[in-house]
Protein backbone atom coordinates (compact mmCIF):
# COMPACT_ATOMS: atom_id res chain seq x y z
CA MET A 1 98.05 107.18 123.75
CA THR A 2 98.50 108.87 120.38
CA THR A 3 101.09 110.76 118.39
CA ASN A 4 104.07 109.03 119.98
CA GLY A 5 102.88 109.88 123.49
CA ALA A 6 102.18 113.56 122.83
CA LEU A 7 98.51 113.08 123.73
CA CYS A 8 97.36 110.50 126.27
CA PHE A 9 93.74 110.11 127.20
CA ILE A 10 91.30 107.75 128.87
CA GLY A 11 87.84 108.04 127.37
CA GLU A 12 87.15 111.76 127.05
CA GLN A 13 89.68 112.74 129.75
CA THR A 14 93.10 114.04 128.69
CA VAL A 15 95.78 112.57 130.92
CA SER A 16 98.73 114.45 129.39
CA CYS A 17 99.36 116.65 126.37
CA HIS A 18 102.73 117.91 125.14
CA ALA A 19 102.40 120.10 122.06
CA ILE A 20 105.21 121.25 119.79
CA PRO A 21 105.96 124.93 120.51
CA GLN A 22 104.32 127.17 117.91
CA ASP A 23 107.61 128.67 116.71
CA ALA A 24 109.10 125.22 116.14
CA ALA A 25 106.00 124.05 114.26
CA GLN A 26 106.12 127.12 112.01
CA LEU A 27 109.87 126.63 111.41
CA ILE A 28 109.27 123.04 110.24
CA VAL A 29 106.45 124.09 107.90
CA ASP A 30 108.59 126.88 106.46
CA ASP A 31 111.54 124.50 106.04
CA SER A 32 109.32 121.95 104.29
CA ARG A 33 108.11 124.55 101.82
CA GLU A 34 111.60 125.95 101.26
CA LYS A 35 113.26 122.55 100.75
CA ASP A 36 110.24 121.01 98.98
CA TYR A 37 109.77 117.88 101.12
CA GLY A 38 106.54 116.24 102.24
CA LEU A 39 105.12 116.96 105.68
CA ILE A 40 102.20 115.75 107.77
CA VAL A 41 101.12 118.15 110.53
CA VAL A 42 98.99 116.53 113.24
CA GLY A 43 96.94 118.98 115.24
CA GLU A 44 94.70 118.34 118.20
CA ARG A 45 91.63 118.03 115.93
CA ASP A 46 92.85 118.03 112.32
CA VAL A 47 95.68 116.96 110.06
CA ALA A 48 97.40 118.91 107.25
CA VAL A 49 99.42 117.38 104.43
CA LEU A 50 102.06 119.04 102.27
CA ASP A 51 103.02 116.59 99.52
CA PRO A 52 104.95 118.33 96.73
CA LYS A 53 106.64 115.16 95.42
CA GLY A 54 103.99 112.55 96.21
CA ASP A 55 105.96 110.90 99.04
CA VAL A 56 103.09 111.11 101.54
CA ASP A 57 100.72 109.51 99.07
CA ARG A 58 103.19 106.80 98.04
CA ILE A 59 104.20 105.79 101.57
CA PHE A 60 101.19 106.56 103.77
CA ARG A 61 98.28 105.93 101.43
CA GLN A 62 99.68 103.22 99.15
CA HIS A 63 102.27 101.36 101.25
CA LEU A 64 101.01 101.83 104.84
CA ALA A 65 97.30 101.99 103.83
CA VAL A 66 96.59 105.04 106.01
CA LYS A 67 93.08 106.26 105.38
CA ASN A 68 91.35 109.63 105.68
CA LEU A 69 94.30 111.79 104.61
CA GLU A 70 91.98 113.19 101.94
CA LEU A 71 90.18 114.91 104.83
CA ALA A 72 93.27 117.00 105.52
CA LYS A 73 92.79 120.69 106.30
CA PRO A 74 94.99 123.58 105.15
CA VAL A 75 98.19 123.80 107.18
CA GLU A 76 97.31 127.31 108.38
CA VAL A 77 94.16 125.90 110.01
CA VAL A 78 96.05 123.12 111.79
CA LEU A 79 98.76 125.51 113.01
CA GLN A 80 96.03 127.34 114.97
CA GLN A 81 95.57 124.17 117.07
CA ARG A 82 97.99 122.53 119.45
CA VAL A 83 100.36 120.68 117.12
CA LEU A 84 101.07 117.23 118.52
CA GLN A 85 103.30 115.71 115.85
CA MET A 86 104.97 116.60 112.57
CA THR A 87 106.15 113.96 110.12
CA PRO A 88 108.65 115.30 107.57
CA PHE A 89 109.73 113.16 104.60
CA PHE A 90 113.47 113.60 104.33
CA PRO A 91 116.52 111.35 104.66
CA GLU A 92 118.23 110.68 107.96
CA SER A 93 121.22 112.65 106.69
CA TYR A 94 119.20 115.91 106.96
CA GLU A 95 117.57 115.10 110.29
CA ALA A 96 120.39 116.26 112.59
CA GLU A 97 120.62 119.60 110.77
CA LEU A 98 116.92 120.37 111.24
CA MET A 99 116.76 119.07 114.82
CA ALA A 100 119.64 121.38 115.81
CA ARG A 101 117.34 124.29 114.90
CA ILE A 102 114.44 123.07 117.08
CA PRO A 103 115.94 122.12 120.48
CA THR A 104 112.48 121.93 122.10
CA CYS A 105 111.65 118.90 119.94
CA THR A 106 112.76 115.31 119.51
CA SER A 107 112.74 112.99 116.54
CA GLY A 108 111.72 109.33 116.40
CA ARG A 109 112.54 107.68 113.08
CA TRP A 110 110.83 104.38 112.39
CA HIS A 111 110.94 104.47 108.59
CA PRO A 112 113.91 105.27 106.34
CA GLU A 113 112.00 107.96 104.43
CA PHE A 114 110.44 109.95 107.27
CA THR A 115 110.59 110.69 110.96
CA ASP A 116 108.10 111.75 113.65
CA ILE A 117 108.88 115.01 115.43
CA THR A 118 107.23 115.74 118.77
CA ALA A 119 107.85 118.01 121.74
CA LYS A 120 110.74 116.73 123.86
CA GLN A 121 108.37 115.91 126.72
CA ALA A 122 106.27 113.69 124.42
CA ASP A 123 107.40 110.13 124.82
CA LYS A 124 105.59 106.80 124.76
CA GLY A 125 107.32 105.70 127.96
CA GLN A 126 106.21 108.86 129.75
CA GLY A 127 102.74 108.40 128.28
CA LEU A 128 102.56 104.89 129.70
CA LEU A 129 103.57 106.24 133.13
CA ALA A 130 100.95 109.01 132.95
CA ILE A 131 98.18 106.56 132.09
CA ALA A 132 99.30 104.07 134.75
CA ASN A 133 99.38 106.87 137.34
CA GLN A 134 95.92 108.08 136.33
CA GLU A 135 94.57 104.54 136.72
CA GLY A 136 96.42 103.95 140.01
CA LEU A 137 98.57 101.17 138.54
CA ASP A 138 102.15 100.36 139.42
CA PRO A 139 104.02 100.47 136.07
CA LYS A 140 105.54 97.06 136.84
CA PHE A 141 102.04 95.65 136.19
CA THR A 142 101.84 97.08 132.67
CA MET A 143 102.55 95.45 129.32
CA ALA A 144 103.43 97.29 126.13
CA PHE A 145 103.68 96.10 122.53
CA GLY A 146 105.74 97.74 119.80
CA ASP A 147 107.48 97.29 116.50
CA GLY A 148 109.32 100.53 115.72
CA GLY A 149 112.10 102.68 117.06
CA ASN A 150 109.49 105.12 118.38
CA ASP A 151 108.33 102.36 120.78
CA THR A 152 111.67 101.93 122.57
CA SER A 153 110.94 104.10 125.62
CA MET A 154 107.55 102.41 126.12
CA ILE A 155 109.07 98.92 125.86
CA ARG A 156 111.75 99.89 128.42
CA THR A 157 109.22 101.48 130.79
CA ALA A 158 106.55 98.77 130.82
CA GLY A 159 106.65 95.98 133.35
CA ILE A 160 106.76 93.65 130.37
CA GLY A 161 107.92 95.01 127.01
CA VAL A 162 106.92 92.90 124.04
CA ALA A 163 108.41 93.31 120.57
CA MET A 164 106.31 92.18 117.66
CA GLY A 165 107.88 89.61 115.34
CA ASN A 166 108.04 92.27 112.60
CA ALA A 167 109.83 94.72 114.95
CA LEU A 168 113.18 96.33 114.32
CA GLU A 169 116.05 94.21 115.64
CA THR A 170 117.11 97.04 117.96
CA LEU A 171 113.67 97.00 119.58
CA LYS A 172 113.73 93.22 119.94
CA GLN A 173 116.96 93.58 121.91
CA GLU A 174 115.24 95.98 124.33
CA ALA A 175 112.15 93.80 124.80
CA ASP A 176 111.51 91.22 127.51
CA TYR A 177 109.84 88.99 124.96
CA THR A 178 109.41 88.80 121.18
CA THR A 179 106.10 87.48 119.87
CA THR A 180 104.95 86.71 116.35
CA SER A 181 104.29 89.47 113.83
CA VAL A 182 101.36 91.83 114.07
CA ASP A 183 99.78 90.04 111.09
CA ASP A 184 100.24 86.64 112.77
CA ASN A 185 98.23 87.32 115.97
CA GLY A 186 101.27 88.66 117.79
CA ILE A 187 99.36 90.32 120.64
CA LEU A 188 97.11 87.32 121.15
CA ASN A 189 100.10 84.96 121.15
CA ALA A 190 101.98 87.10 123.69
CA LEU A 191 98.97 87.27 126.00
CA ARG A 192 98.73 83.49 125.81
CA HIS A 193 102.49 83.15 126.42
CA PHE A 194 102.18 85.15 129.64
CA GLU A 195 99.02 83.23 130.55
CA LEU A 196 96.90 86.37 130.66
CA ILE A 197 94.18 84.74 128.59
């Protein structure tokens, strides 16, 4: 499952794909250029980065250690693909104003400086259900791990929802169990807790 549930696949087989409508994607790009904020556009094959103030570099490359953004393509190239996710760098105070203009999309903020915008049908919980269905699994026999607000639907949907120790407090409240942080073997410790290994 990638891009907040917008694209779910098993091996080479796509299980579900919910792209942002083209007009909404173009509106967000135009708004980013007009208001001069950073934007990551995630297409089906490529990524584009608009970074007029250096926010993408500062947060994604330096703080979050995301690699390969230097391989970004021009935004016009990525807009020719199915756009799975857009990550604009603006404060929460502007979010509601933009989202009112793109009713076919939803926003999942997990960082104070940016949010992830996907098609409304894209959702990690729905992605988990699609993968479970494809594999013939009852969702009550699934386990999901998360640490951000964009993981809430998946944590609620899974048979066992596990919050990482570094998770947002709101996510911990939704989870069935809270493990140690991702950097402290959180997944391994949860699997041991539930006696799965």
